[in-house]
Amino acid sequence: MSGGEIIVIFIVILLLFGSEKIPDLAQTLGKGMREFQKAKDEIQSELTRSVADVKNDLEDATRSIQSEVEGIKSELAREAEAADAHLAGDGQNGDNAIKSESSDTFFGDGI
């Protein structure tokens, strides 16, 4: 807005409301602006708190999931080690059984 437009608007307001009503109008306008600013600040702080709460909930859920994943990984690692040990033991027992059978077959059982 240019300076001329503002002067025209001020003259129209002066003619509509009169010089006695302008201070009351300005006071009412000021109160309205303060209340609007207060409401805006309250909404902004509520949104900030809500975002912080959601962020904390997501971080808690992430930590919980990571903990469970780590538990599952360690359990799978233990089971894999146990399976390796079992297979290694079976392999030695199987080799001994094969050697025993082959020697019995080759040399005979005295039959």
N, C-alpha and C. Protein backbone atom coordinates (compact mmCIF):
# COMPACT_ATOMS: atom_id res chain seq x y z
N MET A 1 0.83 -1.18 0.00
CA MET A 1 0.00 0.00 0.00
C MET A 1 0.88 1.24 0.00
N SER A 2 0.44 2.18 -0.72
CA SER A 2 1.19 3.43 -0.76
C SER A 2 0.68 4.37 0.33
N GLY A 3 1.37 5.46 0.53
CA GLY A 3 0.99 6.42 1.56
C GLY A 3 -0.36 7.04 1.30
N GLY A 4 -0.69 7.33 0.04
CA GLY A 4 -1.97 7.92 -0.32
C GLY A 4 -3.13 7.01 0.01
N GLU A 5 -2.98 5.71 -0.25
CA GLU A 5 -4.04 4.74 0.06
C GLU A 5 -4.29 4.67 1.55
N ILE A 6 -3.24 4.70 2.34
CA ILE A 6 -3.39 4.65 3.79
C ILE A 6 -4.14 5.89 4.29
N ILE A 7 -3.84 7.06 3.75
CA ILE A 7 -4.53 8.29 4.16
C ILE A 7 -6.01 8.22 3.79
N VAL A 8 -6.33 7.71 2.63
CA VAL A 8 -7.73 7.57 2.22
C VAL A 8 -8.45 6.62 3.16
N ILE A 9 -7.84 5.49 3.47
CA ILE A 9 -8.47 4.53 4.40
C ILE A 9 -8.68 5.18 5.76
N PHE A 10 -7.70 5.94 6.26
CA PHE A 10 -7.82 6.61 7.56
C PHE A 10 -8.96 7.63 7.54
N ILE A 11 -9.13 8.37 6.47
CA ILE A 11 -10.21 9.36 6.35
C ILE A 11 -11.57 8.65 6.35
N VAL A 12 -11.68 7.53 5.63
CA VAL A 12 -12.93 6.77 5.60
C VAL A 12 -13.28 6.27 6.99
N ILE A 13 -12.29 5.76 7.71
CA ILE A 13 -12.52 5.27 9.07
C ILE A 13 -12.95 6.43 9.97
N LEU A 14 -12.31 7.57 9.85
CA LEU A 14 -12.65 8.76 10.64
C LEU A 14 -14.09 9.19 10.36
N LEU A 15 -14.50 9.16 9.10
CA LEU A 15 -15.86 9.56 8.74
C LEU A 15 -16.90 8.54 9.25
N LEU A 16 -16.57 7.25 9.17
CA LEU A 16 -17.52 6.21 9.59
C LEU A 16 -17.68 6.16 11.11
N PHE A 17 -16.59 6.22 11.82
CA PHE A 17 -16.64 6.00 13.27
C PHE A 17 -16.56 7.29 14.09
N GLY A 18 -16.06 8.33 13.55
CA GLY A 18 -15.92 9.58 14.29
C GLY A 18 -14.66 9.56 15.13
N SER A 19 -14.26 10.76 15.55
CA SER A 19 -12.99 10.87 16.28
C SER A 19 -13.07 10.29 17.68
N GLU A 20 -14.26 10.19 18.24
CA GLU A 20 -14.40 9.64 19.59
C GLU A 20 -14.30 8.12 19.61
N LYS A 21 -14.71 7.45 18.60
CA LYS A 21 -14.71 5.99 18.54
C LYS A 21 -13.38 5.39 18.09
N ILE A 22 -12.53 6.16 17.47
CA ILE A 22 -11.27 5.62 16.93
C ILE A 22 -10.38 5.05 18.04
N PRO A 23 -10.18 5.70 19.20
CA PRO A 23 -9.36 5.09 20.25
C PRO A 23 -9.93 3.76 20.75
N ASP A 24 -11.26 3.68 20.91
CA ASP A 24 -11.88 2.42 21.32
C ASP A 24 -11.66 1.34 20.26
N LEU A 25 -11.80 1.73 19.02
CA LEU A 25 -11.59 0.79 17.91
C LEU A 25 -10.15 0.30 17.88
N ALA A 26 -9.21 1.22 18.08
CA ALA A 26 -7.80 0.83 18.09
C ALA A 26 -7.49 -0.10 19.28
N GLN A 27 -8.10 0.19 20.44
CA GLN A 27 -7.90 -0.65 21.62
C GLN A 27 -8.46 -2.05 21.38
N THR A 28 -9.63 -2.13 20.82
CA THR A 28 -10.25 -3.41 20.51
C THR A 28 -9.41 -4.18 19.48
N LEU A 29 -8.93 -3.48 18.50
CA LEU A 29 -8.08 -4.11 17.48
C LEU A 29 -6.79 -4.64 18.12
N GLY A 30 -6.20 -3.88 19.04
CA GLY A 30 -4.99 -4.32 19.74
C GLY A 30 -5.23 -5.56 20.58
N LYS A 31 -6.37 -5.58 21.30
CA LYS A 31 -6.71 -6.77 22.10
C LYS A 31 -6.88 -7.99 21.20
N GLY A 32 -7.55 -7.79 20.10
CA GLY A 32 -7.76 -8.90 19.16
C GLY A 32 -6.44 -9.44 18.62
N MET A 33 -5.54 -8.53 18.32
CA MET A 33 -4.23 -8.97 17.80
C MET A 33 -3.44 -9.71 18.88
N ARG A 34 -3.52 -9.23 20.14
CA ARG A 34 -2.82 -9.91 21.24
C ARG A 34 -3.39 -11.32 21.45
N GLU A 35 -4.70 -11.42 21.43
CA GLU A 35 -5.33 -12.74 21.62
C GLU A 35 -4.99 -13.68 20.46
N PHE A 36 -4.96 -13.15 19.27
CA PHE A 36 -4.57 -13.96 18.11
C PHE A 36 -3.14 -14.46 18.28
N GLN A 37 -2.23 -13.59 18.70
CA GLN A 37 -0.83 -13.97 18.91
C GLN A 37 -0.72 -15.03 20.01
N LYS A 38 -1.50 -14.84 21.09
CA LYS A 38 -1.48 -15.80 22.19
C LYS A 38 -1.97 -17.17 21.72
N ALA A 39 -3.07 -17.18 20.97
CA ALA A 39 -3.60 -18.44 20.44
C ALA A 39 -2.60 -19.11 19.50
N LYS A 40 -1.95 -18.30 18.67
CA LYS A 40 -0.95 -18.85 17.74
C LYS A 40 0.22 -19.48 18.52
N ASP A 41 0.67 -18.80 19.58
CA ASP A 41 1.77 -19.34 20.38
C ASP A 41 1.38 -20.63 21.09
N GLU A 42 0.13 -20.69 21.60
CA GLU A 42 -0.34 -21.91 22.25
C GLU A 42 -0.41 -23.08 21.27
N ILE A 43 -0.91 -22.82 20.10
CA ILE A 43 -0.99 -23.88 19.08
C ILE A 43 0.40 -24.35 18.69
N GLN A 44 1.31 -23.40 18.53
CA GLN A 44 2.67 -23.74 18.14
C GLN A 44 3.35 -24.58 19.23
N SER A 45 3.17 -24.21 20.50
CA SER A 45 3.80 -24.97 21.58
C SER A 45 3.17 -26.36 21.70
N GLU A 46 1.87 -26.46 21.49
CA GLU A 46 1.21 -27.76 21.53
C GLU A 46 1.72 -28.66 20.40
N LEU A 47 1.87 -28.11 19.22
CA LEU A 47 2.42 -28.89 18.11
C LEU A 47 3.84 -29.34 18.40
N THR A 48 4.64 -28.45 18.99
CA THR A 48 6.02 -28.80 19.32
C THR A 48 6.05 -29.94 20.33
N ARG A 49 5.18 -29.86 21.35
CA ARG A 49 5.13 -30.94 22.35
C ARG A 49 4.67 -32.25 21.72
N SER A 50 3.67 -32.17 20.84
CA SER A 50 3.17 -33.38 20.19
C SER A 50 4.23 -34.04 19.32
N VAL A 51 4.95 -33.23 18.58
CA VAL A 51 6.02 -33.76 17.74
C VAL A 51 7.10 -34.40 18.60
N ALA A 52 7.44 -33.77 19.72
CA ALA A 52 8.46 -34.32 20.62
C ALA A 52 7.97 -35.65 21.20
N ASP A 53 6.68 -35.73 21.57
CA ASP A 53 6.15 -36.99 22.10
C ASP A 53 6.19 -38.10 21.06
N VAL A 54 5.80 -37.79 19.84
CA VAL A 54 5.83 -38.79 18.77
C VAL A 54 7.26 -39.24 18.50
N LYS A 55 8.19 -38.28 18.50
CA LYS A 55 9.59 -38.60 18.27
C LYS A 55 10.11 -39.53 19.37
N ASN A 56 9.77 -39.24 20.62
CA ASN A 56 10.21 -40.10 21.73
C ASN A 56 9.60 -41.49 21.61
N ASP A 57 8.32 -41.57 21.24
CA ASP A 57 7.69 -42.87 21.06
C ASP A 57 8.37 -43.67 19.95
N LEU A 58 8.70 -43.00 18.85
CA LEU A 58 9.38 -43.69 17.75
C LEU A 58 10.77 -44.17 18.17
N GLU A 59 11.48 -43.34 18.93
CA GLU A 59 12.81 -43.74 19.39
C GLU A 59 12.71 -44.93 20.33
N ASP A 60 11.71 -44.95 21.23
CA ASP A 60 11.51 -46.09 22.13
C ASP A 60 11.20 -47.35 21.34
N ALA A 61 10.32 -47.23 20.34
CA ALA A 61 9.97 -48.39 19.52
C ALA A 61 11.19 -48.89 18.74
N THR A 62 12.00 -47.96 18.24
CA THR A 62 13.20 -48.35 17.50
C THR A 62 14.17 -49.10 18.40
N ARG A 63 14.38 -48.57 19.62
CA ARG A 63 15.28 -49.26 20.56
C ARG A 63 14.75 -50.64 20.91
N SER A 64 13.44 -50.76 21.10
CA SER A 64 12.84 -52.05 21.44
C SER A 64 13.03 -53.05 20.30
N ILE A 65 12.78 -52.60 19.08
CA ILE A 65 12.94 -53.49 17.92
C ILE A 65 14.40 -53.89 17.74
N GLN A 66 15.31 -52.93 17.90
CA GLN A 66 16.73 -53.25 17.77
C GLN A 66 17.16 -54.26 18.83
N SER A 67 16.65 -54.11 20.05
CA SER A 67 16.97 -55.05 21.12
C SER A 67 16.47 -56.45 20.78
N GLU A 68 15.24 -56.53 20.28
CA GLU A 68 14.70 -57.83 19.91
C GLU A 68 15.48 -58.45 18.75
N VAL A 69 15.86 -57.64 17.78
CA VAL A 69 16.64 -58.14 16.64
C VAL A 69 17.99 -58.67 17.13
N GLU A 70 18.63 -57.94 18.02
CA GLU A 70 19.92 -58.39 18.57
C GLU A 70 19.75 -59.70 19.32
N GLY A 71 18.66 -59.83 20.08
CA GLY A 71 18.39 -61.09 20.79
C GLY A 71 18.21 -62.25 19.83
N ILE A 72 17.45 -62.01 18.76
CA ILE A 72 17.22 -63.06 17.77
C ILE A 72 18.52 -63.43 17.07
N LYS A 73 19.34 -62.41 16.74
CA LYS A 73 20.62 -62.68 16.08
C LYS A 73 21.52 -63.52 16.97
N SER A 74 21.60 -63.19 18.27
CA SER A 74 22.47 -63.96 19.16
C SER A 74 21.94 -65.37 19.35
N GLU A 75 20.60 -65.52 19.41
CA GLU A 75 20.02 -66.86 19.53
C GLU A 75 20.30 -67.69 18.28
N LEU A 76 20.18 -67.09 17.11
CA LEU A 76 20.48 -67.80 15.86
C LEU A 76 21.96 -68.18 15.79
N ALA A 77 22.83 -67.28 16.27
CA ALA A 77 24.26 -67.58 16.26
C ALA A 77 24.55 -68.76 17.18
N ARG A 78 23.92 -68.79 18.37
CA ARG A 78 24.13 -69.92 19.29
C ARG A 78 23.63 -71.22 18.67
N GLU A 79 22.46 -71.16 18.03
CA GLU A 79 21.92 -72.36 17.40
C GLU A 79 22.80 -72.82 16.24
N ALA A 80 23.35 -71.88 15.49
CA ALA A 80 24.24 -72.26 14.39
C ALA A 80 25.51 -72.90 14.92
N GLU A 81 26.06 -72.36 16.01
CA GLU A 81 27.25 -72.96 16.61
C GLU A 81 26.95 -74.36 17.14
N ALA A 82 25.79 -74.51 17.77
CA ALA A 82 25.40 -75.83 18.27
C ALA A 82 25.23 -76.81 17.11
N ALA A 83 24.63 -76.36 16.02
CA ALA A 83 24.45 -77.23 14.86
C ALA A 83 25.80 -77.60 14.25
N ASP A 84 26.73 -76.63 14.17
CA ASP A 84 28.07 -76.93 13.66
C ASP A 84 28.76 -77.95 14.53
N ALA A 85 28.66 -77.76 15.85
CA ALA A 85 29.30 -78.71 16.77
C ALA A 85 28.68 -80.09 16.64
N HIS A 86 27.36 -80.15 16.51
CA HIS A 86 26.67 -81.43 16.36
C HIS A 86 27.07 -82.11 15.06
N LEU A 87 27.13 -81.33 13.99
CA LEU A 87 27.54 -81.90 12.70
C LEU A 87 28.98 -82.35 12.73
N ALA A 88 29.83 -81.59 13.38
CA ALA A 88 31.24 -81.99 13.48
C ALA A 88 31.36 -83.28 14.28
N GLY A 89 30.58 -83.41 15.35
CA GLY A 89 30.59 -84.64 16.15
C GLY A 89 30.05 -85.81 15.36
N ASP A 90 28.98 -85.64 14.62
CA ASP A 90 28.40 -86.70 13.80
C ASP A 90 29.36 -87.10 12.69
N GLY A 91 30.08 -86.16 12.17
CA GLY A 91 31.04 -86.45 11.11
C GLY A 91 32.14 -87.37 11.62
N GLN A 92 32.63 -87.12 12.82
CA GLN A 92 33.68 -87.98 13.39
C GLN A 92 33.11 -89.35 13.73
N ASN A 93 31.93 -89.40 14.33
CA ASN A 93 31.30 -90.68 14.65
C ASN A 93 30.98 -91.44 13.38
N GLY A 94 30.54 -90.76 12.35
CA GLY A 94 30.24 -91.40 11.08
C GLY A 94 31.50 -91.95 10.43
N ASP A 95 32.61 -91.22 10.50
CA ASP A 95 33.87 -91.71 9.95
C ASP A 95 34.32 -92.96 10.68
N ASN A 96 34.20 -92.97 12.00
CA ASN A 96 34.59 -94.14 12.79
C ASN A 96 33.70 -95.33 12.46
N ALA A 97 32.40 -95.10 12.29
CA ALA A 97 31.49 -96.19 11.95
C ALA A 97 31.81 -96.74 10.57
N ILE A 98 32.13 -95.88 9.63
CA ILE A 98 32.48 -96.32 8.28
C ILE A 98 33.78 -97.13 8.31
N LYS A 99 34.77 -96.64 9.06
CA LYS A 99 36.04 -97.38 9.16
C LYS A 99 35.83 -98.75 9.78
N SER A 100 34.98 -98.81 10.82
CA SER A 100 34.71 -100.07 11.49
C SER A 100 34.01 -101.04 10.55
N GLU A 101 33.02 -100.56 9.82
CA GLU A 101 32.30 -101.43 8.88
C GLU A 101 33.21 -101.89 7.75
N SER A 102 34.06 -100.99 7.26
CA SER A 102 34.91 -101.38 6.14
C SER A 102 35.96 -102.38 6.59
N SER A 103 36.48 -102.23 7.80
CA SER A 103 37.48 -103.19 8.25
C SER A 103 36.83 -104.54 8.53
N ASP A 104 35.59 -104.53 9.06
CA ASP A 104 34.89 -105.77 9.30
C ASP A 104 34.57 -106.47 7.97
N THR A 105 34.22 -105.73 6.98
CA THR A 105 33.88 -106.30 5.69
C THR A 105 35.12 -106.84 5.00
N PHE A 106 36.20 -106.09 5.08
CA PHE A 106 37.40 -106.48 4.38
C PHE A 106 38.06 -107.67 5.05
N PHE A 107 38.20 -107.59 6.38
CA PHE A 107 38.90 -108.66 7.08
C PHE A 107 37.97 -109.76 7.53
N GLY A 108 36.73 -109.46 7.55
CA GLY A 108 35.75 -110.48 7.94
C GLY A 108 35.58 -110.52 9.44
N ASP A 109 34.48 -111.06 9.85
CA ASP A 109 34.16 -111.20 11.27
C ASP A 109 34.51 -112.58 11.76
N GLY A 110 35.28 -113.23 11.03
CA GLY A 110 35.61 -114.59 11.39
C GLY A 110 34.62 -115.57 10.82
N ILE A 111 33.90 -115.14 9.83
CA ILE A 111 32.90 -116.00 9.21
C ILE A 111 33.56 -116.81 8.14
